[in-house]
Amino acid sequence: MSDRSLQQYETVASAIRYIRNHAQQQPELADIAAAVNLSEHHLQRLFSSWAGISPKRFLQYLTKEHALKSLKKSANTYDAALDAGLSGSGRLHDLMISCEAMTPGEIKNGGAGVELHYGIAPSPFGLTLAGWTTKGLCYLAFLDQDDNARLEELFNQWPNAVTTLDNPGAMTLIEKIFPTTPQAGKLHLLLRGTNFQIKVWEALLQTHQGQFISYSQLAKATGSPNAQRAIGSAVGANNIGFLIPCHRVIRESGVSGNYRWGAERKQAIHAWESAANLSE
C-alpha cells in the first residue's frame, strides 16, 4: 500500500459522502467529479485504478436497489450454509481465516505475560491500527487521521501486556489481508467477547465478499431469531474490522446503516467487494 492508495480512498470516501448527502437529487457523474475537484476523466481513472470498475458501475453498487437484490439473492445461499452447519472458519480471497476465543482467565488477567505487538499501516480503506499476539490477530481498526482513541481502546483491552510498536509487522499483516494479487495463506484471529458475540462473529465469517446479510438472517444463523437487538450490539462490538465482516450486515430495507468505522467506509467496502466478486 502507498500514500497514493490512501489519497484514492479519501477521494472515494468524499464522493460517497457527496452521493449520500445528495441522494434525492440523483447527482450525475459530472456533479460528483466537481464535488471532489476532479474532471470526469480523472474520476474515471481513479475508480478504475482503485476498485477495478468504472464510476458508473461503482455507483450502481451503492444503490438501495442493488442492496435489496443482493440481500434477496444471498438468503437462499446462506440458509444452505446454515443447513450444512457453521464451522467458524472463513475464506477471504485465498486467505484461510481461523479463530479461537480468549478464555475468561486470559481476559481477567489483562494480558499479563503477553507481548502485544501493534502498528499502523495503510490499506485500501485508509490507515489501519493492528494488534496481535503470538496467538493471532486480536485487533484491526480503521483510523481517521490521528485517532488516538483506537490506540487507547486497544491498550485498555490488554492493560497488563508488554506492548511493542511494530509498524513493519503491521504492514506485513495488511499486505496479507489486502494483497495486490490474491495469494494463498492462513491467518488466525484471537477473539475477545461473550459466547453470544463470538457466535455472531463466527456466523459472519460464513459470508462471502459481495454478499449482504440482514440482522434477522444473522439472528436466525445464531439460533436466536428474536435477538435482533443483541445481534446489533454484537456487530457493533466487533474489534477486528473487515476480516470479521460486520460491514456486510445491512437493514432489511436495503439501507446500509451505521458502521463503527464510518458509513462512507462501509459503502466503499461494499462496492469494492462487489467489484472483486464480479472479477472472480
Protein backbone atom coordinates (compact mmCIF):
# COMPACT_ATOMS: atom_id res chain seq x y z
CA MET A 1 0.00 0.00 0.00
CA SER A 2 1.16 3.54 -0.65
CA ASP A 3 0.27 7.15 0.06
CA ARG A 4 -1.34 7.14 -3.37
CA SER A 5 -3.80 4.42 -2.32
CA LEU A 6 -4.68 6.47 0.78
CA GLN A 7 -5.35 9.53 -1.38
CA GLN A 8 -7.50 7.43 -3.70
CA TYR A 9 -9.57 6.19 -0.77
CA GLU A 10 -10.03 9.71 0.61
CA THR A 11 -11.37 10.83 -2.78
CA VAL A 12 -13.67 7.80 -2.98
CA ALA A 13 -14.96 8.47 0.55
CA SER A 14 -15.60 12.12 -0.35
CA ALA A 15 -17.52 11.04 -3.45
CA ILE A 16 -19.66 8.63 -1.42
CA ARG A 17 -20.30 11.34 1.16
CA TYR A 18 -21.50 13.67 -1.60
CA ILE A 19 -23.75 10.97 -3.06
CA ARG A 20 -25.27 10.22 0.37
CA ASN A 21 -25.92 13.90 1.04
CA HIS A 22 -27.49 14.49 -2.39
CA ALA A 23 -29.24 11.17 -2.97
CA GLN A 24 -32.63 12.76 -3.58
CA GLN A 25 -31.18 14.88 -6.41
CA GLN A 26 -29.69 11.81 -8.14
CA PRO A 27 -26.38 13.56 -8.96
CA GLU A 28 -24.75 12.94 -12.31
CA LEU A 29 -21.12 11.87 -12.68
CA ALA A 30 -20.16 15.43 -13.60
CA ASP A 31 -21.66 16.69 -10.32
CA ILE A 32 -19.74 14.14 -8.28
CA ALA A 33 -16.49 14.88 -10.12
CA ALA A 34 -16.90 18.59 -9.47
CA ALA A 35 -17.60 17.93 -5.79
CA VAL A 36 -14.25 16.14 -5.37
CA ASN A 37 -12.39 18.65 -7.57
CA LEU A 38 -11.67 16.23 -10.41
CA SER A 39 -12.61 16.06 -14.05
CA GLU A 40 -14.87 13.22 -15.14
CA HIS A 41 -11.88 11.68 -16.91
CA HIS A 42 -9.73 11.73 -13.78
CA LEU A 43 -12.55 10.36 -11.67
CA GLN A 44 -12.93 7.55 -14.19
CA ARG A 45 -9.22 6.73 -13.90
CA LEU A 46 -9.28 6.86 -10.11
CA PHE A 47 -12.19 4.47 -9.69
CA SER A 48 -10.80 2.10 -12.29
CA SER A 49 -7.44 2.08 -10.54
CA TRP A 50 -8.84 1.74 -7.01
CA ALA A 51 -11.79 -0.60 -7.50
CA GLY A 52 -11.17 -2.07 -10.94
CA ILE A 53 -14.52 -0.81 -12.23
CA SER A 54 -15.93 2.33 -13.80
CA PRO A 55 -17.56 5.09 -11.71
CA LYS A 56 -20.92 4.19 -13.24
CA ARG A 57 -20.67 0.56 -12.08
CA PHE A 58 -19.30 1.68 -8.72
CA LEU A 59 -22.32 3.96 -8.20
CA GLN A 60 -24.66 1.10 -9.08
CA TYR A 61 -23.20 -0.91 -6.23
CA LEU A 62 -24.11 1.88 -3.80
CA THR A 63 -27.83 1.91 -4.61
CA LYS A 64 -30.55 0.61 -2.35
CA GLU A 65 -31.90 -1.44 -5.25
CA HIS A 66 -28.60 -3.31 -5.58
CA ALA A 67 -28.53 -3.92 -1.83
CA LEU A 68 -32.04 -5.37 -1.83
CA LYS A 69 -31.26 -7.59 -4.82
CA SER A 70 -28.08 -8.88 -3.17
CA LEU A 71 -29.87 -9.41 0.14
CA LYS A 72 -32.57 -11.48 -1.55
CA LYS A 73 -30.04 -13.47 -3.55
CA SER A 74 -27.92 -14.25 -0.51
CA ALA A 75 -30.84 -15.52 1.57
CA ASN A 76 -31.02 -18.94 -0.07
CA THR A 77 -27.26 -19.49 -0.23
CA TYR A 78 -26.84 -18.52 3.41
CA ASP A 79 -29.69 -20.77 4.50
CA ALA A 80 -27.93 -23.61 2.68
CA ALA A 81 -24.76 -22.85 4.61
CA LEU A 82 -26.73 -22.98 7.86
CA ASP A 83 -28.18 -26.36 6.91
CA ALA A 84 -24.64 -27.63 6.27
CA GLY A 85 -23.52 -26.35 9.69
CA LEU A 86 -21.35 -23.36 10.58
CA SER A 87 -17.71 -24.27 11.10
CA GLY A 88 -16.44 -20.98 12.47
CA SER A 89 -13.85 -20.55 9.72
CA GLY A 90 -13.99 -18.28 6.70
CA ARG A 91 -12.33 -17.53 3.39
CA LEU A 92 -11.21 -14.17 2.10
CA HIS A 93 -9.84 -14.45 -1.44
CA ASP A 94 -7.25 -17.21 -0.97
CA LEU A 95 -6.65 -16.34 2.68
CA MET A 96 -7.95 -19.00 5.05
CA ILE A 97 -9.18 -17.48 8.29
CA SER A 98 -9.44 -19.44 11.52
CA CYS A 99 -10.20 -18.19 15.01
CA GLU A 100 -10.27 -19.01 18.68
CA ALA A 101 -11.78 -17.27 21.69
CA MET A 102 -9.84 -15.85 24.58
CA THR A 103 -10.54 -17.70 27.81
CA PRO A 104 -12.19 -15.91 30.75
CA GLY A 105 -8.88 -16.25 32.59
CA GLU A 106 -6.96 -14.58 29.77
CA ILE A 107 -9.41 -11.70 29.73
CA LYS A 108 -9.35 -11.35 33.52
CA ASN A 109 -5.56 -11.13 33.79
CA GLY A 110 -5.48 -8.33 31.23
CA GLY A 111 -2.71 -9.83 29.13
CA ALA A 112 -0.22 -10.40 31.94
CA GLY A 113 2.79 -12.18 30.50
CA VAL A 114 1.67 -11.44 26.92
CA GLU A 115 3.65 -9.40 24.39
CA LEU A 116 1.24 -7.32 22.39
CA HIS A 117 2.55 -6.04 19.06
CA TYR A 118 0.80 -3.16 17.39
CA GLY A 119 1.34 -0.91 14.41
CA ILE A 120 -0.20 1.41 11.85
CA ALA A 121 -0.26 0.63 8.13
CA PRO A 122 -2.17 1.87 5.06
CA SER A 123 -4.96 -0.15 3.44
CA PRO A 124 -7.35 0.41 0.52
CA PHE A 125 -9.76 1.96 3.05
CA GLY A 126 -7.41 4.29 4.88
CA LEU A 127 -4.93 3.84 7.69
CA THR A 128 -5.36 0.84 9.98
CA LEU A 129 -4.26 0.03 13.50
CA ALA A 130 -3.48 -3.65 14.03
CA GLY A 131 -2.78 -5.52 17.25
CA TRP A 132 -1.56 -9.09 17.58
CA THR A 133 0.00 -11.62 19.96
CA THR A 134 1.67 -14.97 19.38
CA LYS A 135 -1.83 -16.47 19.28
CA GLY A 136 -3.07 -14.32 16.42
CA LEU A 137 -4.54 -11.02 15.29
CA CYS A 138 -6.72 -9.56 18.05
CA TYR A 139 -7.49 -6.06 16.78
CA LEU A 140 -7.92 -4.30 13.45
CA ALA A 141 -9.41 -0.82 13.26
CA PHE A 142 -9.62 1.81 10.56
CA LEU A 143 -8.29 5.21 11.53
CA ASP A 144 -9.38 8.69 10.60
CA GLN A 145 -6.35 10.96 10.79
CA ASP A 146 -4.74 10.77 14.26
CA ASP A 147 -7.21 8.50 16.00
CA ASN A 148 -5.67 8.12 19.46
CA ALA A 149 -8.95 6.74 20.78
CA ARG A 150 -8.37 3.50 18.86
CA LEU A 151 -4.92 3.04 20.35
CA GLU A 152 -6.33 3.67 23.81
CA GLU A 153 -9.08 1.15 23.13
CA LEU A 154 -6.52 -1.50 22.17
CA PHE A 155 -4.33 -0.87 25.21
CA ASN A 156 -7.35 -0.93 27.55
CA GLN A 157 -8.10 -4.45 26.36
CA TRP A 158 -4.57 -5.54 27.30
CA PRO A 159 -3.69 -3.36 30.33
CA ASN A 160 -1.07 -5.75 31.73
CA ALA A 161 0.60 -6.77 28.47
CA VAL A 162 4.06 -5.72 27.33
CA THR A 163 3.46 -3.54 24.26
CA THR A 164 5.78 -3.33 21.28
CA LEU A 165 5.37 -0.86 18.42
CA ASP A 166 5.88 -2.79 15.17
CA ASN A 167 4.81 -0.84 12.08
CA PRO A 168 6.70 -3.18 9.69
CA GLY A 169 4.84 -6.14 11.21
CA ALA A 170 1.54 -4.31 10.75
CA MET A 171 2.46 -3.61 7.13
CA THR A 172 3.13 -7.31 6.56
CA LEU A 173 -0.27 -8.20 8.01
CA ILE A 174 -2.14 -5.63 5.95
CA GLU A 175 -0.40 -6.73 2.74
CA LYS A 176 -1.52 -10.27 3.56
CA ILE A 177 -5.11 -9.15 4.10
CA PHE A 178 -5.19 -6.85 1.06
CA PRO A 179 -2.74 -8.40 -1.42
CA THR A 180 -2.13 -6.81 -4.80
CA THR A 181 -2.82 -10.24 -6.28
CA PRO A 182 -4.63 -12.99 -4.31
CA GLN A 183 -2.21 -15.32 -2.58
CA ALA A 184 -2.76 -18.48 -0.57
CA GLY A 185 -2.17 -18.10 3.13
CA LYS A 186 -3.56 -18.51 6.63
CA LEU A 187 -4.45 -16.00 9.30
CA HIS A 188 -5.55 -16.80 12.85
CA LEU A 189 -7.81 -14.47 14.83
CA LEU A 190 -7.94 -14.17 18.61
CA LEU A 191 -11.48 -13.16 19.59
CA ARG A 192 -12.42 -11.29 22.74
CA GLY A 193 -16.14 -11.36 23.53
CA THR A 194 -19.04 -13.13 25.13
CA ASN A 195 -20.14 -16.55 23.90
CA PHE A 196 -23.05 -14.92 22.05
CA GLN A 197 -20.87 -12.28 20.40
CA ILE A 198 -18.40 -14.90 19.21
CA LYS A 199 -21.26 -16.96 17.81
CA VAL A 200 -22.39 -13.91 15.82
CA TRP A 201 -18.87 -13.22 14.54
CA GLU A 202 -18.40 -16.85 13.51
CA ALA A 203 -21.66 -16.69 11.58
CA LEU A 204 -20.39 -13.58 9.78
CA LEU A 205 -17.28 -15.49 8.75
CA GLN A 206 -19.54 -17.73 6.65
CA THR A 207 -20.50 -14.85 4.36
CA HIS A 208 -18.52 -14.02 1.25
CA GLN A 209 -17.48 -10.78 -0.39
CA GLY A 210 -20.22 -9.03 -2.29
CA GLN A 211 -22.86 -10.67 -0.08
CA PHE A 212 -25.19 -8.87 2.32
CA ILE A 213 -26.95 -10.30 5.34
CA SER A 214 -29.75 -8.74 7.35
CA TYR A 215 -29.96 -8.58 11.13
CA SER A 216 -32.86 -11.06 11.07
CA GLN A 217 -30.86 -13.52 8.94
CA LEU A 218 -27.94 -13.21 11.31
CA ALA A 219 -30.25 -13.76 14.28
CA LYS A 220 -31.52 -16.92 12.62
CA ALA A 221 -27.96 -18.06 11.99
CA THR A 222 -27.16 -17.87 15.69
CA GLY A 223 -30.28 -19.78 16.66
CA SER A 224 -31.79 -16.69 18.29
CA PRO A 225 -34.34 -15.40 15.77
CA ASN A 226 -35.80 -12.87 18.21
CA ALA A 227 -32.48 -11.42 19.36
CA GLN A 228 -32.00 -8.76 16.69
CA ARG A 229 -31.15 -6.05 19.22
CA ALA A 230 -28.47 -8.27 20.76
CA ILE A 231 -27.24 -9.07 17.25
CA GLY A 232 -26.81 -5.35 16.58
CA SER A 233 -24.82 -4.94 19.79
CA ALA A 234 -22.57 -7.88 18.88
CA VAL A 235 -21.95 -6.47 15.41
CA GLY A 236 -21.05 -3.09 16.92
CA ALA A 237 -18.68 -4.71 19.43
CA ASN A 238 -16.51 -6.34 16.76
CA ASN A 239 -12.84 -5.39 17.26
CA ILE A 240 -11.49 -6.96 14.07
CA GLY A 241 -12.67 -4.87 11.16
CA PHE A 242 -13.05 -6.23 7.62
CA LEU A 243 -11.84 -9.76 8.47
CA ILE A 244 -14.88 -10.32 10.65
CA PRO A 245 -17.16 -8.75 8.04
CA CYS A 246 -19.67 -6.78 10.09
CA HIS A 247 -19.75 -4.38 7.13
CA ARG A 248 -21.91 -6.94 5.29
CA VAL A 249 -24.77 -6.55 7.74
CA ILE A 250 -27.43 -4.16 6.41
CA ARG A 251 -31.05 -3.39 7.20
CA GLU A 252 -33.78 -5.40 5.53
CA SER A 253 -34.91 -2.19 3.80
CA GLY A 254 -31.63 -2.20 1.84
CA VAL A 255 -30.24 0.77 3.77
CA SER A 256 -26.56 0.29 4.53
CA GLY A 257 -26.82 1.62 8.07
CA ASN A 258 -24.15 2.64 10.53
CA TYR A 259 -20.64 1.29 10.78
CA ARG A 260 -18.16 1.53 13.61
CA TRP A 261 -15.55 2.96 11.27
CA GLY A 262 -17.78 5.29 9.27
CA ALA A 263 -20.78 4.96 6.92
CA GLU A 264 -18.78 6.08 3.86
CA ARG A 265 -16.12 3.48 4.55
CA LYS A 266 -18.79 0.78 4.85
CA GLN A 267 -20.21 1.63 1.44
CA ALA A 268 -16.75 1.85 -0.08
CA ILE A 269 -16.07 -1.69 1.13
CA HIS A 270 -19.43 -2.82 -0.26
CA ALA A 271 -18.62 -1.57 -3.76
CA TRP A 272 -15.00 -2.74 -3.61
CA GLU A 273 -16.03 -6.27 -2.57
CA SER A 274 -18.81 -6.42 -5.16
CA ALA A 275 -16.32 -5.48 -7.87
CA ALA A 276 -13.82 -8.06 -6.62
CA ASN A 277 -16.52 -10.73 -6.52
CA LEU A 278 -17.51 -9.90 -10.11
CA SER A 279 -13.93 -10.39 -11.33
CA GLU A 280 -13.51 -13.85 -9.78
